[in-house]
Amino acid sequence: MSEESIIRLETKISYQDDLIQQLNEVVIEQQKQIRDLESRTDILTKKLEDLLELTAEERTSGGKDRPPHY
């Protein structure tokens, strides 16, 4: 193998190493975003469940908690 071929291969490997590092940083950032979105989804799900429970309780109470002007 000639010296020129070795230099080309080393250069190519160097570029690939840099690209791998960049891709790794992107994956790390995306994982942070996924965790944040999962957390927000969990919070919204809990709030929705609480709201549905409250609505179901109001229906079963027969409207006893309605203000007098209704």
C-alpha atoms as a PDB file:
ATOM      1  CA  MET A   1       0.000   0.000   0.000  1.00  0.00           C
ATOM      2  CA  SER A   2       1.373   3.358  -0.966  1.00  0.00           C
ATOM      3  CA  GLU A   3       1.855   6.259   1.397  1.00  0.00           C
ATOM      4  CA  GLU A   4      -0.733   8.245  -0.542  1.00  0.00           C
ATOM      5  CA  SER A   5      -3.327   5.509  -0.006  1.00  0.00           C
ATOM      6  CA  ILE A   6      -2.593   5.425   3.699  1.00  0.00           C
ATOM      7  CA  ILE A   7      -2.955   9.201   3.947  1.00  0.00           C
ATOM      8  CA  ARG A   8      -6.304   9.029   2.104  1.00  0.00           C
ATOM      9  CA  LEU A   9      -7.538   6.323   4.459  1.00  0.00           C
ATOM     10  CA  GLU A  10      -6.408   8.225   7.544  1.00  0.00           C
ATOM     11  CA  THR A  11      -8.117  11.356   6.269  1.00  0.00           C
ATOM     12  CA  LYS A  12     -11.313   9.438   5.589  1.00  0.00           C
ATOM     13  CA  ILE A  13     -11.235   7.888   9.063  1.00  0.00           C
ATOM     14  CA  SER A  14     -10.699  11.301  10.592  1.00  0.00           C
ATOM     15  CA  TYR A  15     -13.768  12.692   8.813  1.00  0.00           C
ATOM     16  CA  GLN A  16     -15.802   9.660   9.865  1.00  0.00           C
ATOM     17  CA  ASP A  17     -14.747  10.081  13.491  1.00  0.00           C
ATOM     18  CA  ASP A  18     -15.851  13.699  13.389  1.00  0.00           C
ATOM     19  CA  LEU A  19     -19.178  12.770  11.830  1.00  0.00           C
ATOM     20  CA  ILE A  20     -19.771  10.072  14.444  1.00  0.00           C
ATOM     21  CA  GLN A  21     -19.143  12.615  17.191  1.00  0.00           C
ATOM     22  CA  GLN A  22     -21.593  15.070  15.636  1.00  0.00           C
ATOM     23  CA  LEU A  23     -24.235  12.371  15.255  1.00  0.00           C
ATOM     24  CA  ASN A  24     -23.708  11.297  18.848  1.00  0.00           C
ATOM     25  CA  GLU A  25     -24.347  14.863  20.027  1.00  0.00           C
ATOM     26  CA  VAL A  26     -27.558  14.977  17.990  1.00  0.00           C
ATOM     27  CA  VAL A  27     -28.727  11.684  19.491  1.00  0.00           C
ATOM     28  CA  ILE A  28     -27.997  12.934  23.016  1.00  0.00           C
ATOM     29  CA  GLU A  29     -29.986  16.130  22.393  1.00  0.00           C
ATOM     30  CA  GLN A  30     -32.888  14.181  20.902  1.00  0.00           C
ATOM     31  CA  GLN A  31     -32.934  11.867  23.912  1.00  0.00           C
ATOM     32  CA  LYS A  32     -33.222  14.899  26.194  1.00  0.00           C
ATOM     33  CA  GLN A  33     -36.129  16.175  24.102  1.00  0.00           C
ATOM     34  CA  ILE A  34     -37.828  12.770  24.216  1.00  0.00           C
ATOM     35  CA  ARG A  35     -37.534  12.649  28.015  1.00  0.00           C
ATOM     36  CA  ASP A  36     -38.988  16.149  28.267  1.00  0.00           C
ATOM     37  CA  LEU A  37     -41.887  15.285  25.969  1.00  0.00           C
ATOM     38  CA  GLU A  38     -42.582  12.064  27.895  1.00  0.00           C
ATOM     39  CA  SER A  39     -42.658  14.017  31.124  1.00  0.00           C
ATOM     40  CA  ARG A  40     -45.047  16.588  29.682  1.00  0.00           C
ATOM     41  CA  THR A  41     -47.247  13.830  28.283  1.00  0.00           C
ATOM     42  CA  ASP A  42     -47.382  12.138  31.689  1.00  0.00           C
ATOM     43  CA  ILE A  43     -48.414  15.417  33.323  1.00  0.00           C
ATOM     44  CA  LEU A  44     -51.104  16.081  30.719  1.00  0.00           C
ATOM     45  CA  THR A  45     -52.383  12.501  31.001  1.00  0.00           C
ATOM     46  CA  LYS A  46     -52.691  12.838  34.782  1.00  0.00           C
ATOM     47  CA  LYS A  47     -54.521  16.162  34.432  1.00  0.00           C
ATOM     48  CA  LEU A  48     -56.899  14.665  31.877  1.00  0.00           C
ATOM     49  CA  GLU A  49     -57.589  11.658  34.114  1.00  0.00           C
ATOM     50  CA  ASP A  50     -58.287  13.993  37.040  1.00  0.00           C
ATOM     51  CA  LEU A  51     -60.635  16.067  34.893  1.00  0.00           C
ATOM     52  CA  LEU A  52     -62.473  12.971  33.663  1.00  0.00           C
ATOM     53  CA  GLU A  53     -62.868  11.755  37.252  1.00  0.00           C
ATOM     54  CA  LEU A  54     -64.224  15.121  38.310  1.00  0.00           C
ATOM     55  CA  THR A  55     -66.655  15.156  35.386  1.00  0.00           C
ATOM     56  CA  ALA A  56     -67.816  11.624  36.195  1.00  0.00           C
ATOM     57  CA  GLU A  57     -68.357  12.575  39.853  1.00  0.00           C
ATOM     58  CA  GLU A  58     -70.439  15.589  38.822  1.00  0.00           C
ATOM     59  CA  ARG A  59     -72.614  13.385  36.623  1.00  0.00           C
ATOM     60  CA  THR A  60     -73.194  10.820  39.361  1.00  0.00           C
ATOM     61  CA  SER A  61     -74.008  13.487  41.950  1.00  0.00           C
ATOM     62  CA  GLY A  62     -77.085  14.374  39.915  1.00  0.00           C
ATOM     63  CA  GLY A  63     -76.205  18.013  39.647  1.00  0.00           C
ATOM     64  CA  LYS A  64     -76.578  18.627  43.378  1.00  0.00           C
ATOM     65  CA  ASP A  65     -73.566  20.916  43.338  1.00  0.00           C
ATOM     66  CA  ARG A  66     -75.032  23.304  40.774  1.00  0.00           C
ATOM     67  CA  PRO A  67     -75.299  26.926  41.795  1.00  0.00           C
ATOM     68  CA  PRO A  68     -78.840  28.099  42.735  1.00  0.00           C
ATOM     69  CA  HIS A  69     -79.261  30.238  39.604  1.00  0.00           C
ATOM     70  CA  TYR A  70     -79.446  27.122  37.345  1.00  0.00           C
END
